[in-house]
Each structure stands twice: as C-alpha cells, then as structure tokens.
Amino acid sequence: MMPVKKLNRLPGLFGDIFYEQWPELYAKRSTTPQINVIETDKKFKIEIAAPGMTKDDLKVELNNENQLIVCLEKEMEKREDGEPCCGEECSPHEKHHYLRREFYVTSFRQIFNLPESVDRDKIVAKMKHGVLCIKLPKREGMEQLPEMRQIAIE
C-alpha cells in the first residue's frame, strides 16, 4: 500500500516544521473571505464575510474603469513572548510564548468589474454583524440583455 497525504489535513496543534524554521513567512497572510454576489431585477448585491472586522478595517472604492475595489487590512495587537497572557483562563501574571502564530495581520483585495447597468452614484456599503453588504442599484431605463441563446458554428 502506498502512503498518501490527506489533501485537507489540519495543521498540528504545536506547529509545523516550516513555521518553526521561518515564522516571518507567516507574519502577513493574504486571506480570501467568502463572497456572495446576488442579482435581482433592480440591483446587484455583494456580501463579504469579514468576522471580527469593523468598517474602519475596510475600504471600498470605485475607479474610472467601472471597477469596484474592496480592500481589508487588519493588524492585531502584537504580543511578544513573555508578556502577560491574554485569555480569560490565564492569571494576570502568567507568562506565555507562542508555539504557532498565524493571525497577526490580515489583508485582502478584490476587484469586481461592474456591468454598465450599475448606477455608480447610488452604490452604498454597510457593515453589519461581520458582513460587508454592498448594494449596487441598476440604472432605470437600461434594456435587459436577451436570454442566452446558442450560436451556430459554420
């Protein structure tokens, strides 16, 4: 029987050899949050899961190429080895050291190419319960594209 490695293995509780050798590689990670894109007759809606983030951690921009750019950058409070432990189960004078540290800086950037039917002046964004919701109303009077059809190949 050939040994195989599971594709979805969980990281070990006490770290792995790469983290132990080069922890600076893990200091800043680019993450990809879960995203929903919804279309109705009157609008598009983008939902981005950003638990633990606030509206100050996010930036939403619209450029002149009709692209919506969403950026997230959050830097956690840095605690060094030997500082007081930060959990409720720790006594105030209990010292600690990291065996593995993966959440210090989180960053994300996503670009959405918007269709011409979006009314650029009426786009709104709201952060609620860890979800960024961006509403993109459609312009009134825009003709809807016909349903998809098959094109014959000659």
N, C-alpha and C. Protein backbone atom coordinates (compact mmCIF):
# COMPACT_ATOMS: atom_id res chain seq x y z
N MET A 1 0.84 -1.18 0.00
CA MET A 1 0.00 0.00 0.00
C MET A 1 0.88 1.24 0.00
N MET A 2 0.57 2.20 -0.87
CA MET A 2 1.36 3.43 -0.94
C MET A 2 0.89 4.42 0.11
N PRO A 3 1.82 5.05 0.80
CA PRO A 3 1.40 6.09 1.73
C PRO A 3 0.92 7.32 0.96
N VAL A 4 -0.15 7.91 1.42
CA VAL A 4 -0.67 9.12 0.78
C VAL A 4 -0.89 10.19 1.84
N LYS A 5 -0.85 11.42 1.41
CA LYS A 5 -1.08 12.55 2.30
C LYS A 5 -2.49 13.05 2.07
N LYS A 6 -3.21 13.28 3.16
CA LYS A 6 -4.55 13.82 3.03
C LYS A 6 -4.47 15.24 2.51
N LEU A 7 -5.36 15.58 1.58
CA LEU A 7 -5.35 16.91 0.99
C LEU A 7 -5.81 17.97 1.97
N ASN A 8 -6.74 17.64 2.83
CA ASN A 8 -7.29 18.63 3.75
C ASN A 8 -6.84 18.39 5.18
N ARG A 9 -5.58 18.18 5.38
CA ARG A 9 -5.11 17.91 6.73
C ARG A 9 -5.17 19.19 7.56
N LEU A 10 -5.44 19.02 8.83
CA LEU A 10 -5.44 20.16 9.73
C LEU A 10 -4.03 20.40 10.23
N PRO A 11 -3.63 21.65 10.44
CA PRO A 11 -2.30 21.90 10.96
C PRO A 11 -2.18 21.34 12.37
N GLY A 12 -1.00 20.87 12.72
CA GLY A 12 -0.78 20.32 14.04
C GLY A 12 -0.94 21.38 15.12
N LEU A 13 -1.34 20.93 16.30
CA LEU A 13 -1.57 21.84 17.41
C LEU A 13 -0.30 22.61 17.77
N PHE A 14 0.83 21.98 17.66
CA PHE A 14 2.07 22.62 18.09
C PHE A 14 2.92 23.13 16.93
N GLY A 15 2.29 23.38 15.81
CA GLY A 15 3.01 23.99 14.69
C GLY A 15 3.57 22.95 13.75
N ASP A 16 4.22 23.43 12.71
CA ASP A 16 4.86 22.53 11.77
C ASP A 16 6.29 23.01 11.53
N ILE A 17 7.04 22.20 10.86
CA ILE A 17 8.47 22.46 10.70
C ILE A 17 8.74 23.77 9.96
N PHE A 18 7.91 24.13 8.99
CA PHE A 18 8.15 25.36 8.24
C PHE A 18 7.92 26.59 9.10
N TYR A 19 6.87 26.56 9.91
CA TYR A 19 6.60 27.70 10.78
C TYR A 19 7.71 27.87 11.80
N GLU A 20 8.16 26.75 12.36
CA GLU A 20 9.21 26.82 13.38
C GLU A 20 10.51 27.36 12.80
N GLN A 21 10.80 27.05 11.54
CA GLN A 21 12.04 27.50 10.93
C GLN A 21 11.97 28.92 10.40
N TRP A 22 10.81 29.32 9.84
CA TRP A 22 10.66 30.64 9.22
C TRP A 22 9.35 31.30 9.64
N PRO A 23 9.19 31.70 10.89
CA PRO A 23 7.92 32.29 11.33
C PRO A 23 7.59 33.61 10.63
N GLU A 24 8.60 34.32 10.13
CA GLU A 24 8.33 35.59 9.44
C GLU A 24 7.52 35.39 8.16
N LEU A 25 7.58 34.20 7.56
CA LEU A 25 6.78 33.93 6.38
C LEU A 25 5.29 33.91 6.70
N TYR A 26 4.96 33.62 7.95
CA TYR A 26 3.57 33.53 8.37
C TYR A 26 3.07 34.83 8.99
N ALA A 27 3.91 35.83 9.12
CA ALA A 27 3.53 37.07 9.81
C ALA A 27 2.43 37.82 9.07
N LYS A 28 2.46 37.86 7.75
CA LYS A 28 1.44 38.56 6.98
C LYS A 28 0.88 37.61 5.94
N ARG A 29 -0.42 37.40 6.01
CA ARG A 29 -1.06 36.49 5.08
C ARG A 29 -2.17 37.21 4.34
N SER A 30 -2.32 36.85 3.12
CA SER A 30 -3.44 37.35 2.34
C SER A 30 -4.55 36.31 2.43
N THR A 31 -5.70 36.73 2.88
CA THR A 31 -6.80 35.80 3.04
C THR A 31 -7.89 36.12 2.04
N THR A 32 -8.71 35.16 1.78
CA THR A 32 -9.82 35.36 0.86
C THR A 32 -11.11 35.06 1.61
N PRO A 33 -11.86 36.08 1.96
CA PRO A 33 -13.12 35.82 2.66
C PRO A 33 -14.17 35.26 1.70
N GLN A 34 -15.20 34.70 2.27
CA GLN A 34 -16.29 34.17 1.46
C GLN A 34 -17.12 35.33 0.92
N ILE A 35 -17.53 35.21 -0.34
CA ILE A 35 -18.24 36.30 -1.03
C ILE A 35 -19.49 35.75 -1.71
N ASN A 36 -20.59 36.46 -1.55
CA ASN A 36 -21.82 36.18 -2.29
C ASN A 36 -22.07 37.33 -3.24
N VAL A 37 -22.44 37.03 -4.48
CA VAL A 37 -22.85 38.06 -5.44
C VAL A 37 -24.27 37.69 -5.87
N ILE A 38 -25.19 38.62 -5.67
CA ILE A 38 -26.61 38.37 -5.89
C ILE A 38 -27.13 39.38 -6.91
N GLU A 39 -28.01 38.93 -7.80
CA GLU A 39 -28.65 39.85 -8.75
C GLU A 39 -30.16 39.74 -8.61
N THR A 40 -30.82 40.89 -8.56
CA THR A 40 -32.28 40.96 -8.62
C THR A 40 -32.64 41.79 -9.85
N ASP A 41 -33.93 42.02 -10.04
CA ASP A 41 -34.35 42.84 -11.17
C ASP A 41 -33.86 44.28 -11.06
N LYS A 42 -33.70 44.77 -9.81
CA LYS A 42 -33.38 46.18 -9.61
C LYS A 42 -31.97 46.47 -9.12
N LYS A 43 -31.25 45.44 -8.68
CA LYS A 43 -29.92 45.70 -8.14
C LYS A 43 -29.05 44.45 -8.14
N PHE A 44 -27.75 44.71 -7.92
CA PHE A 44 -26.79 43.67 -7.58
C PHE A 44 -26.46 43.86 -6.12
N LYS A 45 -26.06 42.80 -5.46
CA LYS A 45 -25.65 42.91 -4.06
C LYS A 45 -24.43 42.02 -3.86
N ILE A 46 -23.41 42.58 -3.21
CA ILE A 46 -22.21 41.82 -2.89
C ILE A 46 -22.15 41.71 -1.37
N GLU A 47 -22.01 40.49 -0.86
CA GLU A 47 -21.86 40.26 0.57
C GLU A 47 -20.48 39.64 0.79
N ILE A 48 -19.72 40.23 1.71
CA ILE A 48 -18.37 39.74 2.00
C ILE A 48 -18.29 39.43 3.48
N ALA A 49 -17.98 38.18 3.82
CA ALA A 49 -17.85 37.77 5.22
C ALA A 49 -16.55 38.33 5.77
N ALA A 50 -16.66 39.13 6.82
CA ALA A 50 -15.48 39.74 7.45
C ALA A 50 -15.65 39.73 8.96
N PRO A 51 -15.76 38.53 9.57
CA PRO A 51 -15.98 38.47 11.02
C PRO A 51 -14.82 39.08 11.78
N GLY A 52 -15.14 39.81 12.83
CA GLY A 52 -14.12 40.44 13.65
C GLY A 52 -13.60 41.75 13.09
N MET A 53 -14.04 42.14 11.92
CA MET A 53 -13.60 43.38 11.30
C MET A 53 -14.61 44.48 11.57
N THR A 54 -14.14 45.72 11.48
CA THR A 54 -15.02 46.87 11.61
C THR A 54 -14.98 47.64 10.29
N LYS A 55 -15.85 48.63 10.17
CA LYS A 55 -15.86 49.41 8.93
C LYS A 55 -14.55 50.18 8.75
N ASP A 56 -13.83 50.44 9.84
CA ASP A 56 -12.54 51.13 9.74
C ASP A 56 -11.45 50.24 9.15
N ASP A 57 -11.65 48.92 9.16
CA ASP A 57 -10.68 47.98 8.60
C ASP A 57 -10.87 47.79 7.10
N LEU A 58 -11.96 48.33 6.56
CA LEU A 58 -12.33 48.10 5.16
C LEU A 58 -12.29 49.39 4.36
N LYS A 59 -12.03 49.24 3.07
CA LYS A 59 -12.08 50.38 2.16
C LYS A 59 -12.75 49.91 0.88
N VAL A 60 -13.75 50.68 0.42
CA VAL A 60 -14.47 50.36 -0.81
C VAL A 60 -14.31 51.55 -1.75
N GLU A 61 -13.79 51.29 -2.95
CA GLU A 61 -13.54 52.36 -3.93
C GLU A 61 -14.15 51.99 -5.27
N LEU A 62 -14.47 53.00 -6.04
CA LEU A 62 -14.96 52.83 -7.40
C LEU A 62 -14.04 53.62 -8.31
N ASN A 63 -13.37 52.95 -9.24
CA ASN A 63 -12.43 53.67 -10.11
C ASN A 63 -13.10 54.07 -11.43
N ASN A 64 -12.34 54.76 -12.27
CA ASN A 64 -12.90 55.27 -13.53
C ASN A 64 -12.99 54.20 -14.62
N GLU A 65 -12.60 52.97 -14.31
CA GLU A 65 -12.72 51.86 -15.25
C GLU A 65 -13.93 50.99 -14.92
N ASN A 66 -14.83 51.54 -14.10
CA ASN A 66 -16.05 50.85 -13.67
C ASN A 66 -15.74 49.58 -12.88
N GLN A 67 -14.74 49.69 -12.03
CA GLN A 67 -14.35 48.58 -11.17
C GLN A 67 -14.59 48.98 -9.72
N LEU A 68 -15.17 48.07 -8.95
CA LEU A 68 -15.35 48.25 -7.53
C LEU A 68 -14.21 47.51 -6.84
N ILE A 69 -13.47 48.21 -5.98
CA ILE A 69 -12.31 47.64 -5.32
C ILE A 69 -12.58 47.59 -3.83
N VAL A 70 -12.49 46.40 -3.25
CA VAL A 70 -12.71 46.21 -1.82
C VAL A 70 -11.39 45.77 -1.21
N CYS A 71 -10.93 46.52 -0.20
CA CYS A 71 -9.68 46.20 0.49
C CYS A 71 -9.95 46.04 1.98
N LEU A 72 -9.26 45.09 2.58
CA LEU A 72 -9.36 44.86 4.01
C LEU A 72 -7.94 44.75 4.54
N GLU A 73 -7.66 45.44 5.60
CA GLU A 73 -6.36 45.29 6.25
C GLU A 73 -6.58 45.46 7.74
N LYS A 74 -6.21 44.44 8.50
CA LYS A 74 -6.37 44.49 9.96
C LYS A 74 -5.10 43.98 10.59
N GLU A 75 -4.57 44.77 11.48
CA GLU A 75 -3.38 44.36 12.22
C GLU A 75 -3.78 44.13 13.66
N MET A 76 -3.55 42.91 14.13
CA MET A 76 -3.88 42.56 15.51
C MET A 76 -2.83 43.15 16.44
N GLU A 77 -3.23 43.33 17.69
CA GLU A 77 -2.28 43.83 18.68
C GLU A 77 -1.15 42.80 18.82
N LYS A 78 0.07 43.27 18.67
CA LYS A 78 1.21 42.36 18.72
C LYS A 78 1.61 42.12 20.17
N ARG A 79 1.67 40.87 20.56
CA ARG A 79 2.12 40.49 21.90
C ARG A 79 3.39 39.67 21.73
N GLU A 80 4.37 40.04 22.45
CA GLU A 80 5.65 39.35 22.38
C GLU A 80 5.69 38.22 23.39
N ASP A 81 6.59 37.27 23.17
CA ASP A 81 6.80 36.21 24.15
C ASP A 81 7.12 36.83 25.50
N GLY A 82 6.57 36.24 26.55
CA GLY A 82 6.87 36.71 27.89
C GLY A 82 5.92 37.76 28.41
N GLU A 83 5.13 38.38 27.56
CA GLU A 83 4.14 39.35 28.04
C GLU A 83 3.03 38.60 28.74
N PRO A 84 2.22 39.29 29.54
CA PRO A 84 1.12 38.62 30.22
C PRO A 84 0.19 37.95 29.21
N CYS A 85 -0.33 36.79 29.58
CA CYS A 85 -1.25 36.04 28.72
C CYS A 85 -2.54 36.83 28.55
N CYS A 86 -3.23 36.65 27.43
CA CYS A 86 -4.37 37.49 27.11
C CYS A 86 -5.72 36.78 27.23
N GLY A 87 -5.78 35.57 27.70
CA GLY A 87 -7.05 34.86 27.78
C GLY A 87 -7.69 34.95 29.15
N GLU A 88 -8.98 34.63 29.23
CA GLU A 88 -9.69 34.67 30.50
C GLU A 88 -9.21 33.58 31.44
N GLU A 89 -8.72 32.46 30.90
CA GLU A 89 -8.28 31.36 31.75
C GLU A 89 -6.89 31.59 32.33
N CYS A 90 -6.21 32.63 31.94
CA CYS A 90 -4.85 32.90 32.41
C CYS A 90 -4.89 33.85 33.60
N SER A 91 -4.01 33.61 34.54
CA SER A 91 -3.91 34.56 35.65
C SER A 91 -3.18 35.80 35.14
N PRO A 92 -3.39 36.96 35.77
CA PRO A 92 -2.81 38.21 35.27
C PRO A 92 -1.29 38.20 35.13
N HIS A 93 -0.61 37.37 35.92
CA HIS A 93 0.86 37.38 35.90
C HIS A 93 1.44 36.18 35.15
N GLU A 94 0.59 35.39 34.52
CA GLU A 94 1.05 34.20 33.81
C GLU A 94 1.73 34.61 32.50
N LYS A 95 2.93 34.12 32.27
CA LYS A 95 3.68 34.43 31.05
C LYS A 95 3.43 33.35 30.00
N HIS A 96 3.69 33.68 28.74
CA HIS A 96 3.46 32.72 27.67
C HIS A 96 4.52 32.87 26.59
N HIS A 97 4.55 31.90 25.70
CA HIS A 97 5.32 32.01 24.46
C HIS A 97 4.53 31.31 23.36
N TYR A 98 4.67 31.79 22.14
CA TYR A 98 3.91 31.27 21.02
C TYR A 98 4.56 30.00 20.48
N LEU A 99 3.74 28.97 20.30
CA LEU A 99 4.18 27.78 19.59
C LEU A 99 3.84 27.90 18.11
N ARG A 100 2.80 28.66 17.83
CA ARG A 100 2.37 28.94 16.46
C ARG A 100 1.61 30.26 16.49
N ARG A 101 1.87 31.14 15.54
CA ARG A 101 1.17 32.43 15.47
C ARG A 101 0.79 32.69 14.02
N GLU A 102 -0.52 32.65 13.74
CA GLU A 102 -0.98 32.82 12.37
C GLU A 102 -1.84 34.04 12.18
N PHE A 103 -2.42 34.60 13.21
CA PHE A 103 -3.24 35.78 13.00
C PHE A 103 -2.59 36.98 13.67
N TYR A 104 -1.91 37.74 12.84
CA TYR A 104 -1.31 38.99 13.27
C TYR A 104 -1.74 40.10 12.31
N VAL A 105 -1.57 39.85 11.02
CA VAL A 105 -2.02 40.81 10.01
C VAL A 105 -2.88 40.05 9.00
N THR A 106 -4.02 40.60 8.70
CA THR A 106 -4.89 40.03 7.69
C THR A 106 -5.08 41.07 6.60
N SER A 107 -4.93 40.67 5.35
CA SER A 107 -5.16 41.61 4.26
C SER A 107 -5.89 40.90 3.12
N PHE A 108 -6.63 41.69 2.37
CA PHE A 108 -7.45 41.16 1.29
C PHE A 108 -7.72 42.29 0.31
N ARG A 109 -7.76 41.97 -0.97
CA ARG A 109 -8.12 42.95 -2.00
C ARG A 109 -8.84 42.20 -3.12
N GLN A 110 -10.01 42.69 -3.46
CA GLN A 110 -10.82 42.07 -4.51
C GLN A 110 -11.32 43.15 -5.45
N ILE A 111 -11.23 42.90 -6.74
CA ILE A 111 -11.72 43.84 -7.75
C ILE A 111 -12.91 43.20 -8.47
N PHE A 112 -14.01 43.94 -8.51
CA PHE A 112 -15.21 43.49 -9.21
C PHE A 112 -15.41 44.37 -10.44
N ASN A 113 -15.48 43.78 -11.62
CA ASN A 113 -15.79 44.52 -12.84
C ASN A 113 -17.31 44.68 -12.91
N LEU A 114 -17.77 45.92 -12.88
CA LEU A 114 -19.20 46.18 -12.83
C LEU A 114 -19.79 46.28 -14.22
N PRO A 115 -21.02 45.79 -14.39
CA PRO A 115 -21.69 45.96 -15.68
C PRO A 115 -22.11 47.41 -15.87
N GLU A 116 -22.33 47.79 -17.11
CA GLU A 116 -22.73 49.17 -17.43
C GLU A 116 -24.07 49.55 -16.81
N SER A 117 -24.87 48.56 -16.47
CA SER A 117 -26.21 48.84 -15.93
C SER A 117 -26.19 49.35 -14.49
N VAL A 118 -25.05 49.30 -13.81
CA VAL A 118 -24.98 49.76 -12.42
C VAL A 118 -24.99 51.29 -12.37
N ASP A 119 -25.82 51.82 -11.48
CA ASP A 119 -25.89 53.27 -11.25
C ASP A 119 -24.78 53.63 -10.26
N ARG A 120 -23.68 54.11 -10.77
CA ARG A 120 -22.49 54.39 -9.96
C ARG A 120 -22.75 55.36 -8.82
N ASP A 121 -23.68 56.29 -9.00
CA ASP A 121 -23.93 57.32 -8.00
C ASP A 121 -24.78 56.84 -6.83
N LYS A 122 -25.34 55.65 -6.92
CA LYS A 122 -26.23 55.17 -5.87
C LYS A 122 -25.71 53.94 -5.13
N ILE A 123 -24.43 53.63 -5.30
CA ILE A 123 -23.84 52.47 -4.62
C ILE A 123 -23.68 52.81 -3.14
N VAL A 124 -24.10 51.88 -2.27
CA VAL A 124 -23.95 52.07 -0.83
C VAL A 124 -23.35 50.81 -0.22
N ALA A 125 -22.60 50.99 0.86
CA ALA A 125 -21.99 49.87 1.57
C ALA A 125 -22.32 50.00 3.05
N LYS A 126 -22.55 48.85 3.68
CA LYS A 126 -22.89 48.83 5.10
C LYS A 126 -22.26 47.60 5.74
N MET A 127 -21.70 47.79 6.93
CA MET A 127 -21.09 46.69 7.67
C MET A 127 -22.02 46.35 8.83
N LYS A 128 -22.44 45.08 8.91
CA LYS A 128 -23.34 44.67 9.99
C LYS A 128 -23.08 43.21 10.34
N HIS A 129 -22.86 42.94 11.61
CA HIS A 129 -22.66 41.58 12.12
C HIS A 129 -21.57 40.83 11.37
N GLY A 130 -20.47 41.50 11.05
CA GLY A 130 -19.34 40.85 10.40
C GLY A 130 -19.51 40.59 8.92
N VAL A 131 -20.52 41.21 8.30
CA VAL A 131 -20.73 41.04 6.86
C VAL A 131 -20.78 42.42 6.22
N LEU A 132 -19.92 42.64 5.22
CA LEU A 132 -19.96 43.87 4.44
C LEU A 132 -20.96 43.64 3.31
N CYS A 133 -21.97 44.50 3.25
CA CYS A 133 -23.01 44.38 2.23
C CYS A 133 -22.93 45.62 1.33
N ILE A 134 -22.70 45.41 0.05
CA ILE A 134 -22.60 46.50 -0.92
C ILE A 134 -23.78 46.36 -1.88
N LYS A 135 -24.61 47.41 -1.92
CA LYS A 135 -25.77 47.40 -2.82
C LYS A 135 -25.45 48.26 -4.03
N LEU A 136 -25.68 47.69 -5.21
CA LEU A 136 -25.37 48.34 -6.48
C LEU A 136 -26.65 48.40 -7.31
N PRO A 137 -27.43 49.48 -7.16
CA PRO A 137 -28.68 49.59 -7.92
C PRO A 137 -28.41 49.66 -9.42
N LYS A 138 -29.36 49.12 -10.17
CA LYS A 138 -29.28 49.20 -11.63
C LYS A 138 -29.91 50.52 -12.08
N ARG A 139 -29.36 51.07 -13.15
CA ARG A 139 -29.93 52.30 -13.72
C ARG A 139 -31.29 52.01 -14.31
N GLU A 140 -32.19 52.94 -14.10
CA GLU A 140 -33.52 52.78 -14.68
C GLU A 140 -33.46 53.02 -16.18
N GLY A 141 -34.29 52.31 -16.91
CA GLY A 141 -34.35 52.51 -18.35
C GLY A 141 -33.30 51.71 -19.11
N MET A 142 -32.44 50.99 -18.40
CA MET A 142 -31.44 50.17 -19.11
C MET A 142 -32.14 48.94 -19.66
N GLU A 143 -31.92 48.67 -20.91
CA GLU A 143 -32.52 47.49 -21.52
C GLU A 143 -31.84 46.25 -20.97
N GLN A 144 -32.65 45.26 -20.65
CA GLN A 144 -32.11 43.99 -20.19
C GLN A 144 -31.59 43.22 -21.40
N LEU A 145 -30.50 42.52 -21.20
CA LEU A 145 -29.97 41.69 -22.28
C LEU A 145 -30.92 40.52 -22.52
N PRO A 146 -31.07 40.11 -23.77
CA PRO A 146 -31.94 38.97 -24.03
C PRO A 146 -31.37 37.71 -23.39
N GLU A 147 -32.23 36.73 -23.25
CA GLU A 147 -31.80 35.45 -22.67
C GLU A 147 -30.68 34.86 -23.52
N MET A 148 -29.90 33.98 -22.91
CA MET A 148 -28.80 33.34 -23.62
C MET A 148 -29.36 32.49 -24.76
N ARG A 149 -28.63 32.48 -25.85
CA ARG A 149 -29.04 31.65 -26.98
C ARG A 149 -27.81 30.99 -27.58
N GLN A 150 -28.03 29.92 -28.27
CA GLN A 150 -26.96 29.17 -28.91
C GLN A 150 -26.62 29.83 -30.24
N ILE A 151 -25.34 29.94 -30.54
CA ILE A 151 -24.86 30.48 -31.81
C ILE A 151 -24.35 29.30 -32.64
N ALA A 152 -24.89 29.17 -33.84
CA ALA A 152 -24.47 28.08 -34.72
C ALA A 152 -23.05 28.33 -35.22
N ILE A 153 -22.28 27.28 -35.27
CA ILE A 153 -20.90 27.37 -35.77
C ILE A 153 -20.89 26.87 -37.20
N GLU A 154 -20.40 27.67 -38.13
CA GLU A 154 -20.38 27.29 -39.55
C GLU A 154 -19.12 26.56 -39.88
